[in-house]
C-alpha atoms as a PDB file:
ATOM      1  CA  MET A   1     -82.206  45.468 239.948  1.00  0.00           C
ATOM      2  CA  LYS A   2     -81.367  48.394 242.248  1.00  0.00           C
ATOM      3  CA  LYS A   3     -77.759  47.497 244.270  1.00  0.00           C
ATOM      4  CA  SER A   4     -78.277  48.232 248.281  1.00  0.00           C
ATOM      5  CA  THR A   5     -76.023  46.994 251.155  1.00  0.00           C
ATOM      6  CA  GLY A   6     -78.630  46.535 253.442  1.00  0.00           C
ATOM      7  CA  ASP A   7     -78.277  45.221 256.739  1.00  0.00           C
ATOM      8  CA  VAL A   8     -75.152  43.302 256.007  1.00  0.00           C
ATOM      9  CA  LEU A   9     -71.684  45.233 255.179  1.00  0.00           C
ATOM     10  CA  THR A  10     -68.260  43.999 253.656  1.00  0.00           C
ATOM     11  CA  ILE A  11     -65.163  45.242 255.350  1.00  0.00           C
ATOM     12  CA  ASP A  12     -64.870  47.691 252.480  1.00  0.00           C
ATOM     13  CA  GLU A  13     -68.311  49.342 253.297  1.00  0.00           C
ATOM     14  CA  LEU A  14     -67.972  49.066 256.723  1.00  0.00           C
ATOM     15  CA  ALA A  15     -64.498  50.910 256.932  1.00  0.00           C
ATOM     16  CA  ILE A  16     -66.210  53.801 254.565  1.00  0.00           C
ATOM     17  CA  TYR A  17     -68.724  53.644 257.071  1.00  0.00           C
ATOM     18  CA  LEU A  18     -66.599  54.056 260.230  1.00  0.00           C
ATOM     19  CA  LYS A  19     -63.970  56.375 258.078  1.00  0.00           C
ATOM     20  CA  ILE A  20     -61.051  53.863 259.875  1.00  0.00           C
ATOM     21  CA  PRO A  21     -58.144  51.627 257.724  1.00  0.00           C
ATOM     22  CA  LYS A  22     -59.613  48.098 256.649  1.00  0.00           C
ATOM     23  CA  SER A  23     -56.115  46.908 258.549  1.00  0.00           C
ATOM     24  CA  THR A  24     -58.122  48.072 261.730  1.00  0.00           C
ATOM     25  CA  LEU A  25     -60.997  46.473 261.394  1.00  0.00           C
ATOM     26  CA  TYR A  26     -59.554  43.144 260.230  1.00  0.00           C
ATOM     27  CA  LYS A  27     -57.419  43.308 263.511  1.00  0.00           C
ATOM     28  CA  LEU A  28     -60.641  44.274 265.437  1.00  0.00           C
ATOM     29  CA  ALA A  29     -62.620  41.192 264.147  1.00  0.00           C
ATOM     30  CA  ARG A  30     -59.882  38.980 264.404  1.00  0.00           C
ATOM     31  CA  GLU A  31     -59.774  39.723 268.104  1.00  0.00           C
ATOM     32  CA  GLY A  32     -63.331  39.747 268.511  1.00  0.00           C
ATOM     33  CA  LYS A  33     -63.729  43.375 269.826  1.00  0.00           C
ATOM     34  CA  ILE A  34     -65.985  44.167 267.005  1.00  0.00           C
ATOM     35  CA  PRO A  35     -69.378  41.724 265.902  1.00  0.00           C
ATOM     36  CA  SER A  36     -68.430  40.353 263.187  1.00  0.00           C
ATOM     37  CA  HIS A  37     -69.215  36.998 261.042  1.00  0.00           C
ATOM     38  CA  LYS A  38     -66.336  34.715 258.876  1.00  0.00           C
ATOM     39  CA  ILE A  39     -68.094  33.531 256.176  1.00  0.00           C
ATOM     40  CA  GLY A  40     -65.387  31.362 254.487  1.00  0.00           C
ATOM     41  CA  ARG A  41     -62.531  33.767 253.814  1.00  0.00           C
ATOM     42  CA  ARG A  42     -64.506  36.758 253.842  1.00  0.00           C
ATOM     43  CA  TRP A  43     -65.799  39.282 257.083  1.00  0.00           C
ATOM     44  CA  ARG A  44     -68.951  40.103 257.295  1.00  0.00           C
ATOM     45  CA  PHE A  45     -70.673  42.601 259.599  1.00  0.00           C
ATOM     46  CA  GLN A  46     -74.550  43.538 260.513  1.00  0.00           C
ATOM     47  CA  LYS A  47     -75.094  47.361 260.587  1.00  0.00           C
ATOM     48  CA  ARG A  48     -77.569  47.215 263.261  1.00  0.00           C
ATOM     49  CA  SER A  49     -74.678  45.329 265.443  1.00  0.00           C
ATOM     50  CA  ILE A  50     -71.975  47.806 264.444  1.00  0.00           C
ATOM     51  CA  GLU A  51     -74.622  50.599 265.475  1.00  0.00           C
ATOM     52  CA  ARG A  52     -75.044  49.173 269.249  1.00  0.00           C
ATOM     53  CA  TRP A  53     -71.391  48.534 269.319  1.00  0.00           C
ATOM     54  CA  LEU A  54     -71.068  52.060 268.338  1.00  0.00           C
ATOM     55  CA  GLY A  55     -73.084  53.445 271.013  1.00  0.00           C
ATOM     56  CA  ARG A  56     -71.884  50.942 273.779  1.00  0.00           C
ATOM     57  CA  ALA A  57     -68.013  52.522 272.971  1.00  0.00           C
ATOM     58  CA  GLY A  58     -69.649  55.980 273.067  1.00  0.00           C
ATOM     59  CA  GLU A  59     -71.390  55.540 276.509  1.00  0.00           C
ATOM     60  CA  ALA A  60     -68.156  53.782 277.897  1.00  0.00           C
ATOM     61  CA  ASN A  61     -66.078  56.813 276.758  1.00  0.00           C
ATOM     62  CA  SER A  62     -68.025  59.276 278.262  1.00  0.00           C
ATOM     63  CA  GLY A  63     -68.221  57.966 281.429  1.00  0.00           C
ATOM     64  CA  ALA A  64     -64.423  57.524 281.600  1.00  0.00           C
ATOM     65  CA  ARG A  65     -64.286  61.406 280.241  1.00  0.00           C
ATOM     66  CA  GLY A  66     -66.571  62.421 282.998  1.00  0.00           C
ATOM     67  CA  ASN A  67     -64.023  61.050 285.710  1.00  0.00           C
ATOM     68  CA  ARG A  68     -61.098  63.368 284.893  1.00  0.00           C
END
């Protein structure tokens, strides 16, 4: 069977995808600043939710830069 990351990402997969440290992701998840689900002791992230979150963050940053 072919291994696929699918729609749900682990913290390791998301750290690679976003190119940020896992420690930053853990902090964002604990603080509720990134869309996430904790299943037992493990964090999981829906790729579609992350992409929407990135889009909203990008729009907010674009607006802030335009006001300078």
